[in-house]
């Protein structure tokens, strides 16, 4: 995803507002630290602790209801052949 944002003046520095969808995706909060670098002529901003989500894979999969590989799709309708 990309976003075009406006650079504004903040004291003697410049500021970049971070779009909400990026804040949520990276689980950023005010006062979090980031690393800024230039790679191939591009500004790269990375969260220091590399936290991508507030949930672990185990937590996300804990809500799985059906563990069987066979899924019931209901009765055939129309001219489907089973």
N, C-alpha and C. Protein backbone atom coordinates (compact mmCIF):
# COMPACT_ATOMS: atom_id res chain seq x y z
N UNK A 1 0.84 -1.18 0.00
CA UNK A 1 0.00 0.00 0.00
C UNK A 1 0.88 1.24 0.00
N UNK A 2 0.42 2.25 -0.63
CA UNK A 2 1.15 3.51 -0.63
C UNK A 2 0.19 4.64 -0.29
N UNK A 3 0.75 5.72 0.18
CA UNK A 3 -0.05 6.90 0.51
C UNK A 3 0.78 8.14 0.20
N UNK A 4 0.15 9.13 -0.39
CA UNK A 4 0.81 10.40 -0.62
C UNK A 4 0.48 11.29 0.57
N UNK A 5 1.52 11.76 1.27
CA UNK A 5 1.28 12.58 2.46
C UNK A 5 2.03 13.90 2.33
N UNK A 6 1.61 14.89 3.09
CA UNK A 6 2.16 16.23 3.04
C UNK A 6 3.19 16.40 4.16
N UNK A 7 4.38 16.86 3.82
CA UNK A 7 5.42 17.13 4.81
C UNK A 7 5.14 18.50 5.40
N UNK A 8 5.14 18.58 6.74
CA UNK A 8 4.88 19.87 7.39
C UNK A 8 6.05 20.25 8.29
N UNK A 9 6.10 21.52 8.67
CA UNK A 9 7.15 22.04 9.54
C UNK A 9 6.76 21.80 10.98
N UNK A 10 7.71 21.34 11.80
CA UNK A 10 7.48 21.12 13.23
C UNK A 10 8.72 21.63 13.96
N UNK A 11 8.64 22.88 14.42
CA UNK A 11 9.82 23.51 15.02
C UNK A 11 10.89 23.69 13.97
N UNK A 12 12.09 23.22 14.24
CA UNK A 12 13.18 23.30 13.27
C UNK A 12 13.28 22.05 12.41
N UNK A 13 12.33 21.14 12.56
CA UNK A 13 12.34 19.88 11.83
C UNK A 13 11.17 19.79 10.87
N UNK A 14 11.15 18.72 10.10
CA UNK A 14 10.02 18.41 9.24
C UNK A 14 9.30 17.20 9.82
N UNK A 15 7.99 17.13 9.60
CA UNK A 15 7.19 16.03 10.16
C UNK A 15 6.40 15.36 9.06
N UNK A 16 6.27 14.04 9.17
CA UNK A 16 5.47 13.23 8.25
C UNK A 16 4.34 12.58 9.05
N UNK A 17 3.09 12.90 8.76
CA UNK A 17 2.01 12.18 9.44
C UNK A 17 1.94 10.75 8.88
N UNK A 18 1.75 9.78 9.76
CA UNK A 18 1.67 8.39 9.32
C UNK A 18 0.20 8.03 9.19
N UNK A 19 -0.25 7.58 8.00
CA UNK A 19 -1.66 7.24 7.80
C UNK A 19 -2.14 6.18 8.80
N UNK A 20 -3.40 6.27 9.18
CA UNK A 20 -3.99 5.40 10.19
C UNK A 20 -3.85 3.92 9.85
N UNK A 21 -4.04 3.55 8.57
CA UNK A 21 -3.95 2.13 8.23
C UNK A 21 -2.54 1.58 8.46
N UNK A 22 -1.53 2.41 8.30
CA UNK A 22 -0.16 1.98 8.57
C UNK A 22 0.07 1.87 10.07
N UNK A 23 -0.44 2.85 10.82
CA UNK A 23 -0.32 2.82 12.29
C UNK A 23 -0.94 1.54 12.84
N UNK A 24 -2.13 1.19 12.35
CA UNK A 24 -2.82 -0.01 12.82
C UNK A 24 -2.08 -1.28 12.40
N UNK A 25 -1.64 -1.34 11.15
CA UNK A 25 -0.96 -2.53 10.64
C UNK A 25 0.32 -2.81 11.42
N UNK A 26 1.07 -1.76 11.72
CA UNK A 26 2.34 -1.92 12.44
C UNK A 26 2.17 -1.82 13.95
N UNK A 27 0.93 -1.60 14.40
CA UNK A 27 0.63 -1.49 15.83
C UNK A 27 1.50 -0.42 16.49
N UNK A 28 1.59 0.74 15.84
CA UNK A 28 2.40 1.84 16.37
C UNK A 28 1.60 2.65 17.38
N UNK A 29 2.33 3.26 18.31
CA UNK A 29 1.71 4.13 19.31
C UNK A 29 2.57 5.38 19.44
N UNK A 30 1.99 6.45 19.97
CA UNK A 30 2.76 7.66 20.22
C UNK A 30 3.94 7.32 21.11
N UNK A 31 5.05 7.93 20.86
CA UNK A 31 6.30 7.72 21.61
C UNK A 31 7.05 6.45 21.22
N UNK A 32 6.54 5.63 20.29
CA UNK A 32 7.30 4.49 19.79
C UNK A 32 8.51 5.01 19.02
N UNK A 33 9.54 4.20 18.94
CA UNK A 33 10.75 4.57 18.20
C UNK A 33 10.77 3.87 16.85
N UNK A 34 11.36 4.55 15.87
CA UNK A 34 11.53 3.97 14.54
C UNK A 34 12.97 4.23 14.08
N UNK A 35 13.40 3.47 13.12
CA UNK A 35 14.72 3.68 12.51
C UNK A 35 14.48 4.24 11.11
N UNK A 36 15.13 5.36 10.82
CA UNK A 36 15.02 5.99 9.50
C UNK A 36 16.33 5.78 8.75
N UNK A 37 16.22 5.39 7.50
CA UNK A 37 17.41 5.20 6.68
C UNK A 37 17.08 5.55 5.24
N UNK A 38 18.12 5.66 4.45
CA UNK A 38 17.95 5.91 3.02
C UNK A 38 18.51 4.70 2.30
N UNK A 39 17.67 4.06 1.48
CA UNK A 39 18.08 2.89 0.70
C UNK A 39 17.69 3.12 -0.75
N UNK A 40 18.67 3.08 -1.62
CA UNK A 40 18.45 3.30 -3.06
C UNK A 40 17.69 4.60 -3.32
N UNK A 41 18.04 5.65 -2.58
CA UNK A 41 17.42 6.95 -2.78
C UNK A 41 16.02 7.08 -2.20
N UNK A 42 15.60 6.13 -1.37
CA UNK A 42 14.26 6.16 -0.78
C UNK A 42 14.36 6.22 0.74
N UNK A 43 13.45 6.96 1.35
CA UNK A 43 13.36 7.01 2.80
C UNK A 43 12.67 5.74 3.29
N UNK A 44 13.31 5.03 4.21
CA UNK A 44 12.76 3.81 4.77
C UNK A 44 12.59 4.02 6.27
N UNK A 45 11.39 3.77 6.78
CA UNK A 45 11.10 3.92 8.20
C UNK A 45 10.66 2.57 8.73
N UNK A 46 11.39 2.06 9.75
CA UNK A 46 11.09 0.74 10.31
C UNK A 46 10.85 0.84 11.81
N UNK A 47 9.83 0.13 12.32
CA UNK A 47 9.65 0.08 13.77
C UNK A 47 10.87 -0.58 14.41
N UNK A 48 11.30 -0.08 15.56
CA UNK A 48 12.49 -0.61 16.22
C UNK A 48 12.29 -2.06 16.64
N UNK A 49 11.13 -2.38 17.19
CA UNK A 49 10.92 -3.73 17.71
C UNK A 49 10.23 -4.65 16.71
N UNK A 50 10.05 -4.19 15.47
CA UNK A 50 9.47 -5.01 14.40
C UNK A 50 8.16 -5.68 14.77
N UNK A 51 7.35 -5.05 15.56
CA UNK A 51 6.06 -5.63 15.91
C UNK A 51 5.09 -5.37 14.76
N UNK A 52 4.55 -6.39 14.18
CA UNK A 52 3.65 -6.26 13.04
C UNK A 52 2.20 -6.32 13.50
N UNK A 53 1.91 -7.15 14.43
CA UNK A 53 0.53 -7.32 14.86
C UNK A 53 0.49 -7.50 16.37
N UNK A 54 -0.62 -7.12 16.96
CA UNK A 54 -0.76 -7.30 18.40
C UNK A 54 -1.17 -8.72 18.74
N UNK A 55 -1.38 -9.56 17.73
CA UNK A 55 -1.77 -10.95 17.94
C UNK A 55 -0.67 -11.89 17.44
N UNK A 56 -0.50 -12.99 18.12
CA UNK A 56 0.42 -14.02 17.65
C UNK A 56 -0.34 -14.95 16.70
N UNK A 57 0.37 -15.76 15.95
CA UNK A 57 -0.27 -16.71 15.05
C UNK A 57 -1.14 -17.68 15.84
N UNK A 58 -0.66 -18.13 17.00
CA UNK A 58 -1.45 -19.05 17.83
C UNK A 58 -2.76 -18.40 18.27
N UNK A 59 -2.72 -17.12 18.62
CA UNK A 59 -3.94 -16.42 19.03
C UNK A 59 -4.92 -16.30 17.86
N UNK A 60 -4.40 -16.01 16.69
CA UNK A 60 -5.27 -15.88 15.52
C UNK A 60 -5.91 -17.21 15.15
N UNK A 61 -5.16 -18.31 15.28
CA UNK A 61 -5.68 -19.62 14.91
C UNK A 61 -6.53 -20.24 16.00
N UNK A 62 -6.51 -19.68 17.21
CA UNK A 62 -7.29 -20.22 18.32
C UNK A 62 -8.79 -20.16 18.02
N UNK A 63 -9.21 -19.24 17.17
CA UNK A 63 -10.62 -19.11 16.83
C UNK A 63 -11.08 -20.07 15.75
N UNK A 64 -10.18 -20.89 15.22
CA UNK A 64 -10.54 -21.86 14.19
C UNK A 64 -11.56 -22.84 14.73
N UNK A 65 -12.67 -22.97 14.04
CA UNK A 65 -13.74 -23.86 14.49
C UNK A 65 -13.58 -25.24 13.87
N UNK A 66 -13.40 -25.26 12.57
CA UNK A 66 -13.38 -26.52 11.84
C UNK A 66 -11.95 -26.91 11.50
N UNK A 67 -11.49 -28.01 12.05
CA UNK A 67 -10.12 -28.44 11.77
C UNK A 67 -10.07 -29.53 10.71
N UNK A 68 -11.23 -30.04 10.31
CA UNK A 68 -11.29 -31.09 9.30
C UNK A 68 -11.01 -30.50 7.93
N UNK A 69 -10.35 -31.29 7.08
CA UNK A 69 -10.10 -30.83 5.71
C UNK A 69 -11.36 -30.94 4.86
N UNK A 70 -12.32 -31.71 5.33
CA UNK A 70 -13.56 -31.89 4.59
C UNK A 70 -14.57 -30.85 5.07
N UNK A 71 -15.10 -30.08 4.14
CA UNK A 71 -16.04 -29.02 4.49
C UNK A 71 -17.38 -29.33 3.88
N UNK A 72 -18.44 -29.17 4.66
CA UNK A 72 -19.79 -29.39 4.14
C UNK A 72 -20.26 -28.12 3.46
N UNK A 73 -20.58 -28.24 2.19
CA UNK A 73 -21.06 -27.10 1.42
C UNK A 73 -22.57 -27.14 1.25
N UNK A 74 -23.25 -28.05 1.93
CA UNK A 74 -24.70 -28.16 1.83
C UNK A 74 -25.12 -29.04 0.67
N UNK A 75 -26.44 -29.09 0.45
CA UNK A 75 -26.98 -29.93 -0.62
C UNK A 75 -26.73 -29.30 -1.98
N UNK A 76 -26.61 -30.14 -3.02
CA UNK A 76 -26.47 -29.59 -4.38
C UNK A 76 -27.72 -28.80 -4.76
N UNK A 77 -27.52 -27.73 -5.48
CA UNK A 77 -28.64 -26.94 -5.97
C UNK A 77 -28.47 -26.78 -7.47
N UNK A 78 -29.57 -26.71 -8.17
CA UNK A 78 -29.49 -26.57 -9.62
C UNK A 78 -29.07 -27.87 -10.26
N UNK A 79 -28.20 -27.80 -11.26
CA UNK A 79 -27.80 -29.00 -12.00
C UNK A 79 -26.38 -29.43 -11.67
N UNK A 80 -25.95 -29.19 -10.42
CA UNK A 80 -24.61 -29.61 -10.01
C UNK A 80 -24.53 -31.13 -9.94
N UNK A 81 -23.40 -31.67 -10.30
CA UNK A 81 -23.20 -33.11 -10.25
C UNK A 81 -22.20 -33.40 -9.14
N UNK A 82 -22.57 -34.33 -8.23
CA UNK A 82 -21.67 -34.69 -7.12
C UNK A 82 -21.36 -36.14 -7.19
